[in-house]
Amino acid sequence: LDPTAGFLGVGTPPLPAAFQYNIAVISSLGPQVRGLRMLSSAALIYCWTALGRVSAYVATDINAWDFAAAQLVVQEVGGEVTDHSGRALQLTDRDTVCSVGGLHSKIIDALMEIENYS
């Protein structure tokens, strides 16, 4: 990623395994962006992504009600929303990525690298 890319949104999932995975995400992607943002609302940070307040959001272990409506908001502004492997997001998915500005494939690549080493 480009350090001037902006801010990356991340969550803090309650399950210990998901939390450890998020630490790996932060360790990998954090140094590659201007900063990190953590909010308690996935829907809000999806909308912040659509507005450009953050460049991307990586969520782990969230529910459909956390992202379903906000997914449409991101897509309507030309952003991308997928699961962590880059596949089209389904309501049954719990790990999501949304982004604007062409960073999506770089984030997916970084996530795939994390999963290969964890």
N, C-alpha and C. Protein backbone atom coordinates (compact mmCIF):
# COMPACT_ATOMS: atom_id res chain seq x y z
N LEU A 1 0.83 -1.19 0.00
CA LEU A 1 0.00 0.00 0.00
C LEU A 1 0.87 1.24 0.00
N ASP A 2 0.30 2.32 -0.35
CA ASP A 2 0.99 3.60 -0.37
C ASP A 2 0.77 4.30 0.97
N PRO A 3 1.85 4.68 1.68
CA PRO A 3 1.68 5.33 2.98
C PRO A 3 0.82 6.58 2.94
N THR A 4 0.68 7.17 1.78
CA THR A 4 -0.19 8.34 1.67
C THR A 4 -1.62 7.92 1.33
N ALA A 5 -1.87 6.61 1.33
CA ALA A 5 -3.19 6.10 0.94
C ALA A 5 -4.29 6.59 1.85
N GLY A 6 -3.96 6.92 3.04
CA GLY A 6 -4.98 7.39 3.97
C GLY A 6 -5.06 6.50 5.18
N PHE A 7 -6.25 6.41 5.72
CA PHE A 7 -6.45 5.68 6.97
C PHE A 7 -7.10 4.33 6.72
N LEU A 8 -6.75 3.37 7.54
CA LEU A 8 -7.33 2.04 7.49
C LEU A 8 -8.21 1.86 8.72
N GLY A 9 -9.43 1.44 8.49
CA GLY A 9 -10.33 1.13 9.58
C GLY A 9 -10.19 -0.34 9.95
N VAL A 10 -10.13 -0.62 11.22
CA VAL A 10 -10.08 -2.00 11.72
C VAL A 10 -11.04 -2.12 12.89
N GLY A 11 -11.46 -3.34 13.16
CA GLY A 11 -12.35 -3.58 14.28
C GLY A 11 -11.65 -4.33 15.39
N THR A 12 -12.37 -4.55 16.46
CA THR A 12 -11.84 -5.33 17.58
C THR A 12 -12.84 -6.43 17.92
N PRO A 13 -12.73 -7.56 17.24
CA PRO A 13 -13.68 -8.65 17.47
C PRO A 13 -13.50 -9.27 18.85
N PRO A 14 -14.59 -9.79 19.43
CA PRO A 14 -14.51 -10.33 20.78
C PRO A 14 -13.88 -11.71 20.89
N LEU A 15 -13.94 -12.53 19.84
CA LEU A 15 -13.37 -13.87 19.92
C LEU A 15 -11.85 -13.81 19.91
N PRO A 16 -11.19 -14.54 20.81
CA PRO A 16 -9.72 -14.48 20.90
C PRO A 16 -9.00 -14.78 19.58
N ALA A 17 -9.45 -15.78 18.82
CA ALA A 17 -8.79 -16.11 17.56
C ALA A 17 -8.94 -14.98 16.55
N ALA A 18 -10.12 -14.39 16.49
CA ALA A 18 -10.35 -13.27 15.58
C ALA A 18 -9.54 -12.05 16.00
N PHE A 19 -9.43 -11.84 17.30
CA PHE A 19 -8.64 -10.72 17.81
C PHE A 19 -7.18 -10.90 17.41
N GLN A 20 -6.64 -12.11 17.56
CA GLN A 20 -5.24 -12.37 17.18
C GLN A 20 -5.02 -12.15 15.69
N TYR A 21 -5.99 -12.55 14.89
CA TYR A 21 -5.90 -12.32 13.45
C TYR A 21 -5.88 -10.81 13.15
N ASN A 22 -6.72 -10.05 13.85
CA ASN A 22 -6.73 -8.60 13.64
C ASN A 22 -5.41 -7.95 14.04
N ILE A 23 -4.76 -8.47 15.07
CA ILE A 23 -3.43 -7.97 15.44
C ILE A 23 -2.46 -8.19 14.28
N ALA A 24 -2.55 -9.35 13.63
CA ALA A 24 -1.70 -9.62 12.46
C ALA A 24 -2.02 -8.67 11.32
N VAL A 25 -3.30 -8.37 11.11
CA VAL A 25 -3.70 -7.41 10.07
C VAL A 25 -3.13 -6.03 10.37
N ILE A 26 -3.27 -5.60 11.61
CA ILE A 26 -2.74 -4.29 12.00
C ILE A 26 -1.23 -4.25 11.84
N SER A 27 -0.54 -5.32 12.24
CA SER A 27 0.92 -5.38 12.12
C SER A 27 1.37 -5.33 10.67
N SER A 28 0.60 -5.96 9.79
CA SER A 28 0.97 -6.00 8.38
C SER A 28 0.61 -4.71 7.64
N LEU A 29 -0.61 -4.24 7.82
CA LEU A 29 -1.09 -3.10 7.04
C LEU A 29 -0.86 -1.75 7.72
N GLY A 30 -0.80 -1.74 9.03
CA GLY A 30 -0.65 -0.48 9.77
C GLY A 30 0.51 0.39 9.32
N PRO A 31 1.72 -0.19 9.18
CA PRO A 31 2.86 0.63 8.75
C PRO A 31 2.76 1.13 7.31
N GLN A 32 1.81 0.60 6.55
CA GLN A 32 1.69 0.96 5.14
C GLN A 32 0.67 2.05 4.87
N VAL A 33 0.04 2.57 5.93
CA VAL A 33 -0.97 3.62 5.76
C VAL A 33 -0.65 4.78 6.70
N ARG A 34 -1.35 5.89 6.53
CA ARG A 34 -1.11 7.06 7.38
C ARG A 34 -1.52 6.83 8.82
N GLY A 35 -2.55 6.02 9.04
CA GLY A 35 -3.01 5.78 10.39
C GLY A 35 -4.13 4.77 10.43
N LEU A 36 -4.53 4.41 11.63
CA LEU A 36 -5.60 3.44 11.85
C LEU A 36 -6.77 4.12 12.55
N ARG A 37 -7.96 3.63 12.26
CA ARG A 37 -9.17 4.11 12.93
C ARG A 37 -9.96 2.91 13.43
N MET A 38 -10.39 2.98 14.67
CA MET A 38 -11.23 1.94 15.25
C MET A 38 -12.50 2.56 15.77
N LEU A 39 -13.62 2.09 15.26
CA LEU A 39 -14.92 2.53 15.73
C LEU A 39 -15.71 1.31 16.16
N SER A 40 -16.71 1.49 16.95
CA SER A 40 -17.49 0.35 17.42
C SER A 40 -18.63 -0.01 16.49
N SER A 41 -18.77 0.69 15.38
CA SER A 41 -19.86 0.44 14.45
C SER A 41 -19.31 0.14 13.06
N ALA A 42 -19.49 -1.11 12.62
CA ALA A 42 -19.05 -1.48 11.27
C ALA A 42 -19.81 -0.67 10.22
N ALA A 43 -21.11 -0.50 10.42
CA ALA A 43 -21.90 0.26 9.45
C ALA A 43 -21.38 1.69 9.31
N LEU A 44 -21.02 2.30 10.42
CA LEU A 44 -20.50 3.66 10.38
C LEU A 44 -19.18 3.73 9.62
N ILE A 45 -18.29 2.80 9.89
CA ILE A 45 -16.99 2.88 9.21
C ILE A 45 -17.10 2.48 7.74
N TYR A 46 -18.07 1.64 7.39
CA TYR A 46 -18.36 1.41 5.97
C TYR A 46 -18.75 2.74 5.31
N CYS A 47 -19.62 3.49 5.97
CA CYS A 47 -20.05 4.78 5.42
C CYS A 47 -18.90 5.78 5.40
N TRP A 48 -18.04 5.75 6.41
CA TRP A 48 -16.85 6.60 6.40
C TRP A 48 -15.97 6.25 5.20
N THR A 49 -15.89 4.97 4.87
CA THR A 49 -15.12 4.56 3.70
C THR A 49 -15.75 5.15 2.44
N ALA A 50 -17.05 5.05 2.34
CA ALA A 50 -17.75 5.62 1.17
C ALA A 50 -17.50 7.12 1.06
N LEU A 51 -17.43 7.81 2.20
CA LEU A 51 -17.18 9.26 2.21
C LEU A 51 -15.72 9.62 1.96
N GLY A 52 -14.83 8.65 2.09
CA GLY A 52 -13.41 8.93 1.93
C GLY A 52 -12.70 9.30 3.22
N ARG A 53 -13.36 9.19 4.35
CA ARG A 53 -12.70 9.50 5.63
C ARG A 53 -11.68 8.44 5.99
N VAL A 54 -11.91 7.20 5.56
CA VAL A 54 -10.92 6.14 5.61
C VAL A 54 -10.85 5.54 4.21
N SER A 55 -9.71 4.99 3.86
CA SER A 55 -9.55 4.41 2.52
C SER A 55 -10.07 2.99 2.43
N ALA A 56 -10.05 2.30 3.55
CA ALA A 56 -10.49 0.91 3.56
C ALA A 56 -10.84 0.50 4.98
N TYR A 57 -11.60 -0.58 5.07
CA TYR A 57 -11.98 -1.14 6.36
C TYR A 57 -11.85 -2.66 6.27
N VAL A 58 -11.12 -3.23 7.19
CA VAL A 58 -10.96 -4.68 7.29
C VAL A 58 -11.68 -5.11 8.56
N ALA A 59 -12.73 -5.92 8.39
CA ALA A 59 -13.53 -6.37 9.53
C ALA A 59 -13.41 -7.88 9.67
N THR A 60 -13.36 -8.31 10.90
CA THR A 60 -13.27 -9.73 11.21
C THR A 60 -14.37 -10.12 12.17
N ASP A 61 -15.06 -11.20 11.85
CA ASP A 61 -16.07 -11.78 12.72
C ASP A 61 -17.22 -10.80 13.02
N ILE A 62 -17.79 -10.24 11.93
CA ILE A 62 -18.96 -9.39 12.10
C ILE A 62 -20.18 -10.10 11.51
N ASN A 63 -21.33 -9.58 11.78
CA ASN A 63 -22.59 -10.16 11.31
C ASN A 63 -23.16 -9.37 10.14
N ALA A 64 -24.08 -10.00 9.42
CA ALA A 64 -24.68 -9.35 8.26
C ALA A 64 -25.34 -8.03 8.63
N TRP A 65 -25.96 -7.95 9.79
CA TRP A 65 -26.61 -6.69 10.18
C TRP A 65 -25.61 -5.58 10.42
N ASP A 66 -24.33 -5.95 10.56
CA ASP A 66 -23.29 -4.94 10.72
C ASP A 66 -22.90 -4.29 9.40
N PHE A 67 -23.10 -5.01 8.27
CA PHE A 67 -22.60 -4.48 7.00
C PHE A 67 -23.60 -4.43 5.86
N ALA A 68 -24.71 -5.13 5.94
CA ALA A 68 -25.58 -5.32 4.77
C ALA A 68 -26.03 -4.00 4.13
N ALA A 69 -26.59 -3.10 4.89
CA ALA A 69 -27.07 -1.84 4.31
C ALA A 69 -25.91 -0.95 3.89
N ALA A 70 -24.86 -0.89 4.70
CA ALA A 70 -23.73 -0.02 4.40
C ALA A 70 -22.93 -0.52 3.21
N GLN A 71 -23.00 -1.82 2.92
CA GLN A 71 -22.34 -2.36 1.73
C GLN A 71 -22.85 -1.65 0.48
N LEU A 72 -24.14 -1.44 0.41
CA LEU A 72 -24.73 -0.75 -0.73
C LEU A 72 -24.21 0.68 -0.85
N VAL A 73 -24.05 1.36 0.27
CA VAL A 73 -23.54 2.73 0.26
C VAL A 73 -22.14 2.77 -0.36
N VAL A 74 -21.27 1.84 0.05
CA VAL A 74 -19.91 1.79 -0.49
C VAL A 74 -19.94 1.49 -1.99
N GLN A 75 -20.76 0.53 -2.38
CA GLN A 75 -20.83 0.16 -3.80
C GLN A 75 -21.41 1.29 -4.66
N GLU A 76 -22.33 2.05 -4.11
CA GLU A 76 -22.94 3.15 -4.87
C GLU A 76 -21.95 4.26 -5.21
N VAL A 77 -20.89 4.40 -4.42
CA VAL A 77 -19.88 5.42 -4.73
C VAL A 77 -18.71 4.82 -5.51
N GLY A 78 -18.86 3.57 -5.95
CA GLY A 78 -17.82 2.94 -6.75
C GLY A 78 -16.80 2.17 -5.96
N GLY A 79 -17.04 1.97 -4.67
CA GLY A 79 -16.12 1.20 -3.85
C GLY A 79 -16.32 -0.29 -4.03
N GLU A 80 -15.42 -1.03 -3.43
CA GLU A 80 -15.48 -2.50 -3.49
C GLU A 80 -15.76 -3.07 -2.12
N VAL A 81 -16.52 -4.17 -2.10
CA VAL A 81 -16.83 -4.87 -0.86
C VAL A 81 -16.72 -6.36 -1.15
N THR A 82 -15.85 -7.05 -0.41
CA THR A 82 -15.64 -8.49 -0.61
C THR A 82 -15.39 -9.17 0.73
N ASP A 83 -15.21 -10.49 0.67
CA ASP A 83 -14.71 -11.19 1.85
C ASP A 83 -13.18 -11.04 1.85
N HIS A 84 -12.51 -11.65 2.81
CA HIS A 84 -11.06 -11.48 2.93
C HIS A 84 -10.27 -12.13 1.80
N SER A 85 -10.91 -13.01 1.03
CA SER A 85 -10.19 -13.62 -0.10
C SER A 85 -10.50 -12.92 -1.42
N GLY A 86 -11.33 -11.87 -1.38
CA GLY A 86 -11.63 -11.11 -2.57
C GLY A 86 -12.88 -11.56 -3.31
N ARG A 87 -13.59 -12.55 -2.75
CA ARG A 87 -14.84 -13.01 -3.38
C ARG A 87 -15.98 -12.07 -3.03
N ALA A 88 -16.99 -12.07 -3.90
CA ALA A 88 -18.18 -11.25 -3.66
C ALA A 88 -18.76 -11.56 -2.29
N LEU A 89 -19.11 -10.54 -1.56
CA LEU A 89 -19.59 -10.68 -0.20
C LEU A 89 -20.98 -11.30 -0.16
N GLN A 90 -21.15 -12.28 0.71
CA GLN A 90 -22.44 -12.93 0.96
C GLN A 90 -22.91 -12.55 2.36
N LEU A 91 -24.19 -12.62 2.60
CA LEU A 91 -24.72 -12.28 3.93
C LEU A 91 -24.24 -13.24 5.01
N THR A 92 -23.75 -14.41 4.62
CA THR A 92 -23.25 -15.37 5.60
C THR A 92 -21.77 -15.16 5.93
N ASP A 93 -21.09 -14.27 5.20
CA ASP A 93 -19.68 -14.00 5.47
C ASP A 93 -19.53 -13.23 6.77
N ARG A 94 -18.42 -13.47 7.46
CA ARG A 94 -18.16 -12.78 8.73
C ARG A 94 -16.89 -11.94 8.68
N ASP A 95 -16.09 -12.13 7.63
CA ASP A 95 -14.85 -11.36 7.46
C ASP A 95 -14.97 -10.55 6.18
N THR A 96 -14.91 -9.23 6.28
CA THR A 96 -15.18 -8.37 5.14
C THR A 96 -14.10 -7.33 4.94
N VAL A 97 -14.03 -6.84 3.70
CA VAL A 97 -13.15 -5.74 3.34
C VAL A 97 -13.95 -4.79 2.47
N CYS A 98 -13.90 -3.51 2.77
CA CYS A 98 -14.48 -2.52 1.87
C CYS A 98 -13.42 -1.45 1.64
N SER A 99 -13.43 -0.90 0.43
CA SER A 99 -12.42 0.11 0.11
C SER A 99 -12.89 1.00 -1.03
N VAL A 100 -12.24 2.14 -1.14
CA VAL A 100 -12.41 3.05 -2.26
C VAL A 100 -11.00 3.46 -2.71
N GLY A 101 -10.88 3.86 -3.93
CA GLY A 101 -9.60 4.41 -4.37
C GLY A 101 -8.60 3.40 -4.90
N GLY A 102 -9.02 2.21 -5.28
CA GLY A 102 -8.12 1.27 -5.94
C GLY A 102 -7.17 0.50 -5.04
N LEU A 103 -7.39 0.48 -3.75
CA LEU A 103 -6.51 -0.25 -2.83
C LEU A 103 -6.93 -1.69 -2.58
N HIS A 104 -8.08 -2.06 -3.06
CA HIS A 104 -8.68 -3.33 -2.66
C HIS A 104 -7.78 -4.54 -2.93
N SER A 105 -7.26 -4.63 -4.13
CA SER A 105 -6.44 -5.81 -4.46
C SER A 105 -5.18 -5.88 -3.61
N LYS A 106 -4.59 -4.75 -3.27
CA LYS A 106 -3.41 -4.75 -2.42
C LYS A 106 -3.75 -5.22 -1.01
N ILE A 107 -4.90 -4.82 -0.52
CA ILE A 107 -5.33 -5.25 0.82
C ILE A 107 -5.61 -6.75 0.81
N ILE A 108 -6.30 -7.23 -0.20
CA ILE A 108 -6.59 -8.66 -0.31
C ILE A 108 -5.29 -9.45 -0.37
N ASP A 109 -4.33 -9.00 -1.16
CA ASP A 109 -3.04 -9.67 -1.24
C ASP A 109 -2.37 -9.76 0.13
N ALA A 110 -2.40 -8.67 0.87
CA ALA A 110 -1.81 -8.66 2.21
C ALA A 110 -2.54 -9.61 3.14
N LEU A 111 -3.88 -9.65 3.06
CA LEU A 111 -4.66 -10.56 3.90
C LEU A 111 -4.38 -12.01 3.56
N MET A 112 -4.23 -12.31 2.28
CA MET A 112 -3.93 -13.68 1.87
C MET A 112 -2.55 -14.11 2.39
N GLU A 113 -1.62 -13.16 2.40
CA GLU A 113 -0.28 -13.47 2.93
C GLU A 113 -0.36 -13.76 4.43
N ILE A 114 -1.15 -12.99 5.15
CA ILE A 114 -1.34 -13.23 6.59
C ILE A 114 -1.93 -14.61 6.82
N GLU A 115 -2.96 -14.97 6.04
CA GLU A 115 -3.61 -16.26 6.22
C GLU A 115 -2.68 -17.41 5.88
N ASN A 116 -1.77 -17.21 4.94
CA ASN A 116 -0.82 -18.27 4.57
C ASN A 116 0.21 -18.52 5.65
N TYR A 117 0.45 -17.52 6.49
CA TYR A 117 1.46 -17.66 7.54
C TYR A 117 0.89 -17.86 8.93
N SER A 118 -0.41 -17.79 9.06
CA SER A 118 -0.98 -17.94 10.43
C SER A 118 -1.35 -19.37 10.72
